Amino acid sequence: MKIKGNSILITGGASGIGRLLGLISIRKGASAVIVWDINPVSIAKVKQEFEQEAKGSTQIFSAVVDV
């Protein structure tokens, strides 16, 4: 799967495998990582973590969503 330069949407992304996929996507050069989760506290924390990891190289978006 090509990640570099693409936008990546991760559902259930505030913990576990979803969180790891977000970090990997940032490290592999995704242009944007969109992370959805049902837990507002967890999603806020992971968004901050992703922004620190990205250092401005990847746009980070998040939303509280019950899919």
C-alpha atoms as a PDB file:
ATOM      1  CA  MET A   1       0.000   0.000   0.000  1.00  0.00           C
ATOM      2  CA  LYS A   2       1.298   3.432  -0.934  1.00  0.00           C
ATOM      3  CA  ILE A   3       1.064   5.835   2.007  1.00  0.00           C
ATOM      4  CA  LYS A   4       3.434   8.652   1.039  1.00  0.00           C
ATOM      5  CA  GLY A   5       1.492  11.639  -0.231  1.00  0.00           C
ATOM      6  CA  ASN A   6      -1.939  10.124   0.439  1.00  0.00           C
ATOM      7  CA  SER A   7      -4.639  10.932   2.976  1.00  0.00           C
ATOM      8  CA  ILE A   8      -5.264   8.166   5.491  1.00  0.00           C
ATOM      9  CA  LEU A   9      -8.569   7.745   7.374  1.00  0.00           C
ATOM     10  CA  ILE A  10      -8.454   5.610  10.514  1.00  0.00           C
ATOM     11  CA  THR A  11     -11.598   4.639  12.412  1.00  0.00           C
ATOM     12  CA  GLY A  12     -11.075   3.610  16.023  1.00  0.00           C
ATOM     13  CA  GLY A  13      -7.789   5.464  15.864  1.00  0.00           C
ATOM     14  CA  ALA A  14      -7.378   6.714  19.421  1.00  0.00           C
ATOM     15  CA  SER A  15      -5.875   3.491  20.752  1.00  0.00           C
ATOM     16  CA  GLY A  16      -4.394   0.136  19.874  1.00  0.00           C
ATOM     17  CA  ILE A  17      -3.826  -0.818  16.248  1.00  0.00           C
ATOM     18  CA  GLY A  18      -5.547   2.342  14.960  1.00  0.00           C
ATOM     19  CA  ARG A  19      -3.168   4.566  16.912  1.00  0.00           C
ATOM     20  CA  LEU A  20      -0.162   2.619  15.641  1.00  0.00           C
ATOM     21  CA  LEU A  21      -1.392   2.854  12.047  1.00  0.00           C
ATOM     22  CA  GLY A  22      -1.651   6.617  12.466  1.00  0.00           C
ATOM     23  CA  LEU A  23       1.924   6.897  13.717  1.00  0.00           C
ATOM     24  CA  ILE A  24       3.201   4.642  10.913  1.00  0.00           C
ATOM     25  CA  SER A  25       1.308   6.712   8.336  1.00  0.00           C
ATOM     26  CA  ILE A  26       2.904   9.911   9.616  1.00  0.00           C
ATOM     27  CA  ARG A  27       6.379   8.339   9.549  1.00  0.00           C
ATOM     28  CA  LYS A  28       5.815   7.051   6.011  1.00  0.00           C
ATOM     29  CA  GLY A  29       4.907  10.513   4.712  1.00  0.00           C
ATOM     30  CA  ALA A  30       1.110  10.644   4.534  1.00  0.00           C
ATOM     31  CA  SER A  31      -0.103  14.085   3.484  1.00  0.00           C
ATOM     32  CA  ALA A  32      -2.978  13.882   5.984  1.00  0.00           C
ATOM     33  CA  VAL A  33      -4.104  11.559   8.757  1.00  0.00           C
ATOM     34  CA  ILE A  34      -7.781  11.689   9.675  1.00  0.00           C
ATOM     35  CA  VAL A  35      -8.523   9.866  12.899  1.00  0.00           C
ATOM     36  CA  TRP A  36     -11.997   9.035  14.175  1.00  0.00           C
ATOM     37  CA  ASP A  37     -12.931   7.568  17.536  1.00  0.00           C
ATOM     38  CA  ILE A  38     -15.915   7.434  19.876  1.00  0.00           C
ATOM     39  CA  ASN A  39     -13.961   8.599  22.945  1.00  0.00           C
ATOM     40  CA  PRO A  40     -13.523  12.408  23.014  1.00  0.00           C
ATOM     41  CA  VAL A  41     -10.802  12.380  25.676  1.00  0.00           C
ATOM     42  CA  SER A  42      -8.723   9.753  23.887  1.00  0.00           C
ATOM     43  CA  ILE A  43      -9.110  11.384  20.480  1.00  0.00           C
ATOM     44  CA  ALA A  44      -7.888  14.729  21.859  1.00  0.00           C
ATOM     45  CA  LYS A  45      -4.792  13.065  23.334  1.00  0.00           C
ATOM     46  CA  VAL A  46      -3.953  11.103  20.201  1.00  0.00           C
ATOM     47  CA  LYS A  47      -4.432  14.179  17.980  1.00  0.00           C
ATOM     48  CA  GLN A  48      -1.885  16.037  20.096  1.00  0.00           C
ATOM     49  CA  GLU A  49       0.490  13.049  19.953  1.00  0.00           C
ATOM     50  CA  PHE A  50       0.128  12.827  16.152  1.00  0.00           C
ATOM     51  CA  GLU A  51       0.742  16.574  15.727  1.00  0.00           C
ATOM     52  CA  GLN A  52       3.945  16.316  17.771  1.00  0.00           C
ATOM     53  CA  GLU A  53       5.081  13.319  15.727  1.00  0.00           C
ATOM     54  CA  ALA A  54       4.250  15.014  12.405  1.00  0.00           C
ATOM     55  CA  LYS A  55       6.086  18.268  13.216  1.00  0.00           C
ATOM     56  CA  GLY A  56       4.013  20.006  10.527  1.00  0.00           C
ATOM     57  CA  SER A  57       4.832  17.527   7.747  1.00  0.00           C
ATOM     58  CA  THR A  58       1.417  15.810   7.875  1.00  0.00           C
ATOM     59  CA  GLN A  59      -1.951  17.454   8.442  1.00  0.00           C
ATOM     60  CA  ILE A  60      -3.808  15.890  11.361  1.00  0.00           C
ATOM     61  CA  PHE A  61      -7.602  15.932  11.609  1.00  0.00           C
ATOM     62  CA  SER A  62      -9.792  14.267  14.206  1.00  0.00           C
ATOM     63  CA  ALA A  63     -13.466  13.804  14.967  1.00  0.00           C
ATOM     64  CA  VAL A  64     -15.568  12.095  17.585  1.00  0.00           C
ATOM     65  CA  VAL A  65     -17.563   9.576  15.564  1.00  0.00           C
ATOM     66  CA  ASP A  66     -19.611   6.492  16.431  1.00  0.00           C
ATOM     67  CA  VAL A  67     -19.318   4.320  13.309  1.00  0.00           C
END
